[in-house]
Amino acid sequence: MEMGLEDLGDLALNAIISKLDAKDTVAVSCVSKKLRVSASEESLWLNHCSQDLGLSSPIDPLGKPAPSFKETYRLWRESFGMYPWPLVKWVKRCWDRLKNWLSANFPEADATLRKGATEVEIEALQNILKVKLPLPTRLLYRFCDGQELNEEGVGGTALGCSLGIIGGYCFNDHLVNVCFLPLRQVILETREITDQIVFSTTSKYVIVAASSTDIGKFFFLNCTTGQLYVGTRGLVSAGEMIPCVPNALISPMHDVNTGQQQDAMLLWLEEHVRRLQNGIIKLRKEGMIRSINLFPEEAPLCSTAVTNGVQVRASAVFIPEGCNLLDASHKYLFAFSIRMRLLPEGCIVNGTSFGSCQLNWRHWIIRANDHVVSDVNGEAVIGKYPLLYPGGEEFVYQSCTLLSSSQGSIEGGFTFVPGSTICIQKCILLMHYLFPICFSDWQTQKAVHLRLKWAGFLSSVQTTFSNVTIQEGKSLEYQQHSSALLSSRC
């Protein structure tokens, strides 16, 4: 005797239907009244809303309460019916991860995020700028229409310029903080800069992100290819830009019949979120102002050495807006960040513990490829002699160097004086430019942008970190970040 689905008990039916996806659940509900009742269980649609949309309560796309999870799912599918559903789920997950991080760690920046743009607003932008946005970027704007900073726009106030969700860096007098532009600002900035730059007639560019400081750093989305570019110092004079993502990672942009679209904007933002969640990049506080700092603070992108209680950390970023690829002698600009502190146990030399330690001297040898281009030897760093105390805050300073080649190194040493004893920390930073981002989850590229090798020594005590190897990782980053692998041997 054969048994059909309708002959099963409610618990058995529910167990079977719970294995189906939302589309098949709807199809089953059309078979009979009994199956319709079983397929309408709230627990089933709570599961679909949770898995597909990350929702734990029945909220519609406008943020309003819905009567049930089943109705919630229907409203979301209806609102985004013109997009491939797998892409909708992907983009929403990306935004959810970013908003959750901001809410927990940087609520003042989270408060700047605008509500999602409407299809009417997106179509208006496309008509004004005569472009067709890639589907992933359209969806990014459907979920969030950029940041609301202040009416001064890209030139904002001191507080406004610190809240960019893309973040930035500061060295010497070079301050950058990148925000995600709302559609209205995309129109204004694109119009303004395209009046100064002549682009290819076959490519359509829009500015999607820019620094909110006086330093001009602009990110251009090529709406034809889906590639994201960042402008260099030769942007206005020669239209010079650097791609942010390897072209091999970009999929067809405008085909609504597949869910495999991925433009550089989505990939770039997703990598940025990964770095935030993993603590690779963190917040930096200057007085009462906080901002996302793009100098990596975790291995392998940041190298750490401890010698006799003195800890020194180093990392670097590529500075595209300071580069001029047409200048043979100063093509590439790198900035590096040095962080030093005295650990709680203090500075211990030959069994003697000192309660403080002061930097006295530094020596840098700068090379382009293997050729020495500068040898800097002198007192202090940036005119300061930091005094370190056990367990105190890190002393942080940033500087930069221009290289004529895409590969180079900065090798140097620090001399600390605890009491009457000299303590030396020595480091070697090897920098290599390739692409602007380093994805560590894809295996389509092999690249290293920064190899760090640290050697620390004090009197007859020597600790050496060596055997630096190239990390197999992907090579992209919204700003030419560095990638490093540190293996140690004592």
Protein backbone atom coordinates (compact mmCIF):
# COMPACT_ATOMS: atom_id res chain seq x y z
CA MET A 1 0.00 0.00 0.00
CA GLU A 2 1.49 3.29 -1.13
CA MET A 3 1.41 6.30 1.15
CA GLY A 4 1.29 9.87 -0.15
CA LEU A 5 2.41 13.06 1.51
CA GLU A 6 -1.12 13.83 2.64
CA ASP A 7 -1.24 10.53 4.51
CA LEU A 8 1.62 11.58 6.76
CA GLY A 9 1.13 13.19 10.14
CA ASP A 10 1.71 16.89 10.70
CA LEU A 11 5.10 16.39 12.36
CA ALA A 12 6.38 14.21 9.51
CA LEU A 13 5.10 16.68 6.91
CA ASN A 14 6.73 19.58 8.71
CA ALA A 15 10.03 17.71 8.91
CA ILE A 16 9.96 17.04 5.15
CA ILE A 17 8.91 20.53 4.11
CA SER A 18 11.54 22.10 6.38
CA LYS A 19 14.20 20.58 4.10
CA LEU A 20 12.89 22.58 1.13
CA ASP A 21 13.98 26.04 0.09
CA ALA A 22 11.47 28.88 -0.06
CA LYS A 23 10.67 28.41 -3.76
CA ASP A 24 9.88 24.70 -3.34
CA THR A 25 7.91 25.39 -0.19
CA VAL A 26 5.63 27.69 -2.16
CA ALA A 27 5.27 25.05 -4.90
CA VAL A 28 4.26 22.39 -2.35
CA SER A 29 1.64 24.70 -0.86
CA CYS A 30 -0.17 24.73 -4.21
CA VAL A 31 -0.77 20.96 -4.22
CA SER A 32 -3.56 20.70 -1.67
CA LYS A 33 -5.20 22.43 1.26
CA LYS A 34 -3.43 20.24 3.80
CA LEU A 35 -0.02 20.90 2.29
CA ARG A 36 -0.86 24.59 2.07
CA VAL A 37 -1.50 24.65 5.81
CA SER A 38 1.71 22.74 6.55
CA ALA A 39 3.77 24.96 4.21
CA SER A 40 2.45 28.08 5.94
CA GLU A 41 3.86 27.25 9.37
CA GLU A 42 5.56 30.33 10.86
CA SER A 43 8.56 28.28 11.95
CA LEU A 44 9.27 27.36 8.31
CA TRP A 45 9.20 30.96 7.14
CA LEU A 46 11.16 32.16 10.15
CA ASN A 47 13.86 29.77 8.99
CA HIS A 48 13.71 31.07 5.39
CA CYS A 49 13.85 34.69 6.54
CA SER A 50 16.76 33.91 8.81
CA GLN A 51 18.78 31.95 6.24
CA ASP A 52 18.12 34.14 3.21
CA LEU A 53 17.78 37.59 4.77
CA GLY A 54 19.33 37.38 8.22
CA LEU A 55 16.02 38.42 9.82
CA SER A 56 15.02 37.34 13.32
CA SER A 57 11.78 39.33 13.36
CA PRO A 58 9.16 40.02 10.66
CA ILE A 59 10.41 43.31 9.17
CA ASP A 60 9.67 44.47 5.63
CA PRO A 61 12.26 46.14 3.31
CA LEU A 62 11.27 49.58 4.64
CA GLY A 63 11.95 48.53 8.21
CA LYS A 64 8.29 48.31 9.18
CA PRO A 65 6.75 45.36 11.06
CA ALA A 66 5.04 42.74 8.91
CA PRO A 67 2.15 40.50 10.09
CA SER A 68 4.07 37.23 9.66
CA PHE A 69 7.37 35.77 8.49
CA LYS A 70 5.67 34.35 5.41
CA GLU A 71 4.40 37.83 4.49
CA THR A 72 7.83 39.26 5.29
CA TYR A 73 9.48 36.90 2.82
CA ARG A 74 6.88 37.70 0.16
CA LEU A 75 7.41 41.44 0.57
CA TRP A 76 11.17 41.12 0.24
CA ARG A 77 10.90 38.98 -2.90
CA GLU A 78 8.40 41.41 -4.36
CA SER A 79 10.54 44.47 -3.57
CA PHE A 80 13.67 42.98 -5.15
CA GLY A 81 11.97 40.96 -7.86
CA MET A 82 13.95 42.65 -10.65
CA TYR A 83 17.26 41.31 -9.25
CA PRO A 84 18.66 37.75 -9.09
CA TRP A 85 17.72 36.49 -5.63
CA PRO A 86 21.16 34.94 -4.85
CA LEU A 87 22.72 38.36 -5.50
CA VAL A 88 20.15 40.06 -3.23
CA LYS A 89 21.04 37.68 -0.40
CA TRP A 90 24.79 38.23 -0.97
CA VAL A 91 24.57 42.01 -0.91
CA LYS A 92 22.30 42.06 2.15
CA ARG A 93 24.70 39.81 4.06
CA CYS A 94 27.56 42.15 3.21
CA TRP A 95 25.68 45.20 4.49
CA ASP A 96 24.44 43.37 7.58
CA ARG A 97 27.99 42.39 8.54
CA LEU A 98 29.22 45.96 8.10
CA LYS A 99 26.31 47.53 9.97
CA ASN A 100 26.65 45.06 12.83
CA TRP A 101 30.35 45.90 13.19
CA LEU A 102 29.67 49.64 13.05
CA SER A 103 26.82 49.38 15.56
CA ALA A 104 29.04 47.53 18.04
CA ASN A 105 32.29 49.43 17.50
CA PHE A 106 31.67 52.72 15.70
CA PRO A 107 28.06 53.82 16.33
CA GLU A 108 28.75 57.44 15.37
CA ALA A 109 29.63 56.26 11.85
CA ASP A 110 26.71 53.84 11.81
CA ALA A 111 24.42 56.84 12.43
CA THR A 112 25.62 58.41 9.15
CA LEU A 113 24.29 55.56 6.98
CA ARG A 114 21.27 56.58 4.94
CA LYS A 115 18.23 54.48 4.15
CA GLY A 116 18.29 52.54 0.93
CA ALA A 117 17.69 54.36 -2.35
CA THR A 118 14.56 53.69 -4.41
CA GLU A 119 14.55 52.41 -7.96
CA VAL A 120 13.28 55.82 -9.04
CA GLU A 121 16.32 57.52 -7.48
CA ILE A 122 18.70 55.06 -9.10
CA GLU A 123 17.06 55.53 -12.50
CA ALA A 124 17.33 59.31 -12.07
CA LEU A 125 21.09 59.03 -11.52
CA GLN A 126 21.46 56.79 -14.55
CA ASN A 127 19.54 59.21 -16.74
CA ILE A 128 21.46 62.26 -15.52
CA LEU A 129 24.92 60.69 -15.87
CA LYS A 130 23.96 58.53 -18.86
CA VAL A 131 25.26 55.33 -17.26
CA LYS A 132 23.91 51.94 -16.34
CA LEU A 133 25.06 50.86 -12.89
CA PRO A 134 26.19 47.23 -12.50
CA LEU A 135 23.57 45.16 -10.69
CA PRO A 136 25.69 44.56 -7.56
CA THR A 137 26.27 48.31 -7.13
CA ARG A 138 22.58 49.04 -7.72
CA LEU A 139 21.76 46.61 -4.93
CA LEU A 140 24.36 48.14 -2.62
CA TYR A 141 22.53 51.44 -3.03
CA ARG A 142 19.12 49.80 -2.62
CA PHE A 143 20.20 48.73 0.87
CA CYS A 144 22.08 51.91 1.79
CA ASP A 145 22.25 55.23 -0.04
CA GLY A 146 25.71 56.17 1.16
CA GLN A 147 26.58 58.33 4.15
CA GLU A 148 24.98 61.53 5.41
CA LEU A 149 27.86 63.62 6.74
CA ASN A 150 27.26 67.35 6.42
CA GLU A 151 26.17 69.86 3.84
CA GLU A 152 29.76 70.75 2.97
CA GLY A 153 30.06 67.39 1.20
CA VAL A 154 33.50 66.02 0.49
CA GLY A 155 35.23 68.87 2.27
CA GLY A 156 33.61 68.32 5.72
CA THR A 157 34.44 69.46 9.20
CA ALA A 158 37.06 67.85 11.44
CA LEU A 159 34.45 65.58 13.01
CA GLY A 160 32.65 64.85 9.76
CA CYS A 161 35.83 63.84 8.00
CA SER A 162 36.56 61.13 10.58
CA LEU A 163 33.39 59.10 10.05
CA GLY A 164 34.01 57.54 6.64
CA ILE A 165 33.12 53.85 6.72
CA ILE A 166 36.00 53.05 4.36
CA GLY A 167 38.47 54.78 6.66
CA GLY A 168 41.89 56.20 5.95
CA TYR A 169 45.27 57.14 7.37
CA CYS A 170 47.35 60.07 8.49
CA PHE A 171 51.07 60.69 8.06
CA ASN A 172 52.97 63.96 8.01
CA ASP A 173 50.32 66.46 6.83
CA HIS A 174 48.55 63.88 4.66
CA LEU A 175 45.09 63.07 6.08
CA VAL A 176 42.63 60.82 4.23
CA ASN A 177 39.28 59.46 5.34
CA VAL A 178 37.06 57.87 2.70
CA CYS A 179 33.28 57.89 2.85
CA PHE A 180 30.66 56.07 0.77
CA LEU A 181 28.89 58.72 -1.29
CA PRO A 182 25.08 59.01 -1.49
CA LEU A 183 23.55 59.11 -4.96
CA ARG A 184 23.08 62.85 -4.98
CA GLN A 185 26.77 63.32 -4.15
CA VAL A 186 27.74 60.77 -6.79
CA ILE A 187 26.03 62.98 -9.37
CA LEU A 188 27.68 66.20 -8.11
CA GLU A 189 31.20 64.80 -7.75
CA THR A 190 31.08 62.89 -11.05
CA ARG A 191 29.91 65.95 -12.96
CA GLU A 192 32.54 68.16 -11.35
CA ILE A 193 35.51 65.89 -11.95
CA THR A 194 34.51 64.76 -15.43
CA ASP A 195 34.64 68.40 -16.44
CA GLN A 196 38.37 68.22 -15.68
CA ILE A 197 39.19 64.74 -16.98
CA VAL A 198 38.63 63.29 -20.43
CA PHE A 199 37.60 59.64 -20.21
CA SER A 200 37.30 57.11 -23.00
CA THR A 201 33.98 57.43 -24.82
CA THR A 202 33.50 53.66 -24.51
CA SER A 203 33.64 53.69 -20.71
CA LYS A 204 31.25 55.28 -18.25
CA TYR A 205 32.64 56.26 -14.84
CA VAL A 206 30.96 57.43 -11.64
CA ILE A 207 32.60 58.41 -8.34
CA VAL A 208 31.27 56.14 -5.58
CA ALA A 209 33.65 56.96 -2.73
CA ALA A 210 35.92 59.87 -1.86
CA SER A 211 37.94 61.32 0.98
CA SER A 212 36.07 63.78 3.15
CA THR A 213 39.30 65.73 3.76
CA ASP A 214 41.19 68.25 1.66
CA ILE A 215 43.34 65.45 0.21
CA GLY A 216 41.74 64.33 -3.03
CA LYS A 217 41.23 60.58 -3.08
CA PHE A 218 38.53 59.36 -5.47
CA PHE A 219 37.22 55.91 -6.34
CA PHE A 220 35.72 55.52 -9.81
CA LEU A 221 33.37 52.70 -10.82
CA ASN A 222 33.53 51.81 -14.48
CA CYS A 223 29.88 51.05 -15.19
CA THR A 224 30.78 49.29 -18.44
CA THR A 225 33.23 46.73 -17.04
CA GLY A 226 32.37 46.76 -13.32
CA GLN A 227 35.98 47.56 -12.39
CA LEU A 228 36.74 49.95 -9.52
CA TYR A 229 39.63 52.39 -9.88
CA VAL A 230 41.41 54.76 -7.51
CA GLY A 231 42.91 57.98 -8.81
CA THR A 232 46.62 58.81 -8.58
CA ARG A 233 48.40 62.16 -8.42
CA GLY A 234 48.21 62.18 -12.21
CA LEU A 235 44.42 61.84 -12.23
CA VAL A 236 43.55 65.31 -13.44
CA SER A 237 46.54 65.86 -15.71
CA ALA A 238 46.60 62.45 -17.36
CA GLY A 239 43.45 60.60 -16.22
CA GLU A 240 45.71 58.18 -14.36
CA MET A 241 43.97 55.52 -12.24
CA ILE A 242 44.84 52.16 -10.73
CA PRO A 243 42.46 49.15 -10.76
CA CYS A 244 41.39 47.91 -7.32
CA VAL A 245 40.40 44.34 -8.19
CA PRO A 246 41.88 41.81 -10.65
CA ASN A 247 39.65 41.66 -13.71
CA ALA A 248 39.46 37.87 -13.45
CA LEU A 249 37.28 38.19 -10.34
CA ILE A 250 34.65 40.35 -12.01
CA SER A 251 31.60 38.60 -13.51
CA PRO A 252 29.00 39.84 -16.05
CA MET A 253 27.36 42.95 -14.67
CA HIS A 254 23.96 43.39 -16.30
CA ASP A 255 22.53 39.88 -16.82
CA VAL A 256 19.48 39.55 -14.55
CA ASN A 257 19.14 35.85 -15.39
CA THR A 258 22.09 34.75 -13.30
CA GLY A 259 23.03 35.29 -9.68
CA GLN A 260 26.76 35.16 -10.35
CA GLN A 261 27.33 38.88 -10.93
CA GLN A 262 30.12 40.43 -8.88
CA ASP A 263 31.52 43.83 -9.66
CA ALA A 264 34.62 45.31 -8.07
CA MET A 265 32.58 47.58 -5.79
CA LEU A 266 30.94 44.63 -4.03
CA LEU A 267 34.17 42.62 -3.81
CA TRP A 268 36.08 45.64 -2.51
CA LEU A 269 33.50 46.39 0.18
CA GLU A 270 33.28 42.75 1.19
CA GLU A 271 37.05 42.55 1.72
CA HIS A 272 36.93 45.75 3.77
CA VAL A 273 34.22 44.23 6.01
CA ARG A 274 36.29 41.05 6.43
CA ARG A 275 39.26 43.09 7.65
CA LEU A 276 37.13 44.98 10.12
CA GLN A 277 35.53 41.84 11.52
CA ASN A 278 38.87 40.05 11.84
CA GLY A 279 40.52 42.99 13.60
CA ILE A 280 43.08 43.47 10.84
CA ILE A 281 42.13 47.14 10.70
CA LYS A 282 40.79 48.93 13.75
CA LEU A 283 39.65 52.24 15.12
CA ARG A 284 42.13 54.97 15.94
CA LYS A 285 41.38 57.64 18.53
CA GLU A 286 42.85 61.14 18.43
CA GLY A 287 41.50 63.14 21.34
CA MET A 288 37.73 62.81 21.13
CA ILE A 289 37.70 61.87 17.45
CA ARG A 290 37.69 58.26 16.26
CA SER A 291 38.18 56.91 12.76
CA ILE A 292 38.84 53.64 10.92
CA ASN A 293 42.60 53.30 10.53
CA LEU A 294 43.79 51.38 7.46
CA PHE A 295 47.25 50.50 8.76
CA PRO A 296 46.93 46.76 9.51
CA GLU A 297 47.37 45.74 13.14
CA GLU A 298 47.28 41.95 12.94
CA ALA A 299 49.58 39.36 11.41
CA PRO A 300 50.35 38.60 8.69
CA LEU A 301 49.86 42.21 7.55
CA CYS A 302 51.51 43.59 10.68
CA SER A 303 54.84 42.39 12.08
CA THR A 304 55.60 42.37 15.81
CA ALA A 305 58.87 41.97 17.69
CA VAL A 306 59.60 42.10 21.43
CA THR A 307 63.10 42.67 22.74
CA ASN A 308 63.71 42.87 26.48
CA GLY A 309 60.21 44.13 27.13
CA VAL A 310 60.11 46.69 24.31
CA GLN A 311 57.45 45.82 21.73
CA VAL A 312 57.55 47.30 18.23
CA ARG A 313 54.90 46.72 15.57
CA ALA A 314 55.10 47.80 11.93
CA SER A 315 52.79 47.81 8.92
CA ALA A 316 52.48 49.69 5.66
CA VAL A 317 49.92 50.85 3.13
CA PHE A 318 50.27 51.88 -0.47
CA ILE A 319 49.16 55.49 -1.08
CA PRO A 320 47.72 55.63 -4.61
CA GLU A 321 46.70 59.30 -4.50
CA GLY A 322 50.35 60.20 -3.88
CA CYS A 323 51.72 58.23 -6.83
CA ASN A 324 52.59 59.47 -10.29
CA LEU A 325 53.23 56.55 -12.61
CA LEU A 326 54.58 58.93 -15.26
CA ASP A 327 57.33 60.19 -12.95
CA ALA A 328 60.28 57.86 -13.43
CA SER A 329 62.00 58.79 -10.16
CA HIS A 330 59.01 59.02 -7.76
CA LYS A 331 56.32 56.66 -9.02
CA TYR A 332 55.17 54.90 -5.88
CA LEU A 333 54.33 56.27 -2.44
CA PHE A 334 54.22 54.01 0.61
CA ALA A 335 53.33 55.02 4.14
CA PHE A 336 54.38 53.00 7.16
CA SER A 337 53.20 52.97 10.75
CA ILE A 338 55.44 52.17 13.70
CA ARG A 339 53.91 51.38 17.09
CA MET A 340 56.09 50.97 20.17
CA ARG A 341 55.36 50.35 23.84
CA LEU A 342 56.93 48.96 26.99
CA LEU A 343 55.26 45.78 28.22
CA PRO A 344 53.98 45.54 31.83
CA GLU A 345 57.11 43.71 33.04
CA GLY A 346 59.21 46.72 32.05
CA CYS A 347 62.53 46.77 30.23
CA ILE A 348 64.68 43.91 31.49
CA VAL A 349 68.39 43.93 30.63
CA ASN A 350 70.67 41.18 31.96
CA GLY A 351 68.26 40.53 34.80
CA THR A 352 67.82 44.19 35.72
CA SER A 353 64.35 45.69 35.37
CA PHE A 354 63.90 49.34 34.39
CA GLY A 355 60.69 51.28 34.98
CA SER A 356 60.97 53.36 31.82
CA CYS A 357 62.58 53.36 28.42
CA GLN A 358 63.15 56.31 26.10
CA LEU A 359 63.78 56.31 22.37
CA ASN A 360 66.99 58.08 21.48
CA TRP A 361 68.06 57.24 17.92
CA ARG A 362 66.80 55.80 14.66
CA HIS A 363 68.47 54.70 11.46
CA TRP A 364 66.66 54.04 8.16
CA ILE A 365 68.12 52.68 4.93
CA ILE A 366 65.70 53.05 2.01
CA ARG A 367 66.10 50.98 -1.12
CA ALA A 368 64.36 50.87 -4.50
CA ASN A 369 64.70 47.27 -5.56
CA ASP A 370 68.20 46.51 -4.22
CA HIS A 371 69.67 49.98 -4.68
CA VAL A 372 70.10 52.29 -1.69
CA VAL A 373 68.38 55.61 -2.41
CA SER A 374 68.53 57.15 1.08
CA ASP A 375 70.35 56.60 4.37
CA VAL A 376 68.80 58.48 7.29
CA ASN A 377 70.60 58.41 10.61
CA GLY A 378 69.70 60.72 13.48
CA GLU A 379 68.06 61.38 16.79
CA ALA A 380 64.38 61.02 17.56
CA VAL A 381 61.43 60.14 15.30
CA ILE A 382 59.35 62.95 13.80
CA GLY A 383 61.13 65.27 16.23
CA LYS A 384 60.06 63.33 19.34
CA TYR A 385 61.78 61.23 22.01
CA PRO A 386 58.93 59.06 23.30
CA LEU A 387 59.24 57.92 26.90
CA LEU A 388 57.67 54.51 27.43
CA TYR A 389 56.33 53.21 30.74
CA PRO A 390 55.33 49.61 31.63
CA GLY A 391 51.84 48.87 30.37
CA GLY A 392 51.43 52.38 29.01
CA GLU A 393 49.86 53.42 25.73
CA GLU A 394 51.63 52.75 22.46
CA PHE A 395 53.60 55.55 20.90
CA VAL A 396 52.53 55.61 17.26
CA TYR A 397 54.07 57.49 14.39
CA GLN A 398 53.65 57.36 10.65
CA SER A 399 55.93 58.40 7.83
CA CYS A 400 56.30 57.71 4.13
CA THR A 401 58.74 57.14 1.31
CA LEU A 402 58.65 57.59 -2.45
CA LEU A 403 60.14 54.82 -4.57
CA SER A 404 61.07 54.77 -8.23
CA SER A 405 60.18 51.08 -8.52
CA SER A 406 57.23 48.99 -7.45
CA GLN A 407 59.50 47.02 -5.11
CA GLY A 408 61.65 48.43 -2.38
CA SER A 409 62.53 48.27 1.26
CA ILE A 410 63.00 50.32 4.40
CA GLU A 411 65.47 48.83 6.83
CA GLY A 412 66.14 50.48 10.13
CA GLY A 413 66.86 50.36 13.80
CA PHE A 414 65.66 52.10 16.97
CA THR A 415 67.84 52.82 19.97
CA PHE A 416 66.12 52.98 23.37
CA VAL A 417 67.83 54.07 26.59
CA PRO A 418 66.53 52.43 29.79
CA GLY A 419 68.56 54.06 32.56
CA SER A 420 72.15 53.91 31.35
CA THR A 421 71.77 50.88 29.09
CA ILE A 422 71.15 51.03 25.35
CA CYS A 423 68.40 48.86 23.87
CA ILE A 424 68.11 48.46 20.11
CA GLN A 425 65.14 47.32 18.02
CA LYS A 426 65.93 46.68 14.40
CA CYS A 427 63.43 46.15 11.61
CA ILE A 428 63.34 45.59 7.88
CA LEU A 429 60.29 46.50 5.82
CA LEU A 430 60.17 45.14 2.28
CA MET A 431 57.45 46.71 0.15
CA HIS A 432 56.10 45.43 -3.11
CA TYR A 433 53.25 47.03 -5.07
CA LEU A 434 50.96 44.93 -7.20
CA PHE A 435 47.22 45.46 -6.79
CA PRO A 436 45.29 47.76 -4.49
CA ILE A 437 43.65 45.04 -2.27
CA CYS A 438 44.77 41.75 -0.81
CA PHE A 439 42.02 39.13 -0.66
CA SER A 440 43.02 36.24 1.51
CA ASP A 441 40.15 33.92 0.68
CA TRP A 442 40.52 33.56 -3.07
CA GLN A 443 43.30 31.74 -4.84
CA THR A 444 43.32 33.45 -8.19
CA GLN A 445 46.43 35.56 -7.53
CA LYS A 446 49.70 35.13 -5.70
CA ALA A 447 51.22 38.35 -4.42
CA VAL A 448 53.00 40.05 -1.60
CA HIS A 449 52.87 43.76 -1.06
CA LEU A 450 54.90 43.96 2.11
CA ARG A 451 57.31 41.51 3.59
CA LEU A 452 58.46 42.39 7.07
CA LYS A 453 61.55 40.94 8.66
CA TRP A 454 62.39 41.87 12.21
CA ALA A 455 65.65 41.37 14.09
CA GLY A 456 65.96 42.53 17.67
CA PHE A 457 69.14 42.49 19.69
CA LEU A 458 70.40 43.77 23.02
CA SER A 459 73.97 43.30 24.26
CA SER A 460 74.72 39.58 23.92
CA VAL A 461 71.05 38.63 23.82
CA GLN A 462 69.77 38.17 20.26
CA THR A 463 66.32 37.30 18.94
CA THR A 464 65.89 36.96 15.20
CA PHE A 465 62.68 36.66 13.21
CA SER A 466 63.63 35.26 9.84
CA ASN A 467 62.65 32.98 6.97
CA VAL A 468 60.14 35.45 5.58
CA THR A 469 58.09 33.75 2.90
CA ILE A 470 55.63 34.98 0.30
CA GLN A 471 52.03 34.58 1.28
CA GLU A 472 49.77 32.88 -1.19
CA GLY A 473 46.86 35.19 -1.09
CA LYS A 474 44.89 37.24 -3.39
CA SER A 475 46.05 40.60 -4.30
CA LEU A 476 43.68 43.41 -4.13
CA GLU A 477 42.86 46.11 -1.75
CA TYR A 478 40.94 49.30 -1.91
CA GLN A 479 44.17 51.19 -1.33
CA GLN A 480 47.13 49.12 -2.32
CA HIS A 481 47.46 47.43 1.00
CA SER A 482 50.32 45.28 2.09
CA SER A 483 50.38 41.58 2.58
CA ALA A 484 52.93 39.88 4.79
CA LEU A 485 53.80 36.52 6.23
CA LEU A 486 56.07 36.30 9.24
CA SER A 487 57.63 33.05 10.33
CA SER A 488 59.89 33.10 13.34
CA ARG A 489 63.00 31.40 14.59
CA CYS A 490 64.71 32.16 17.92
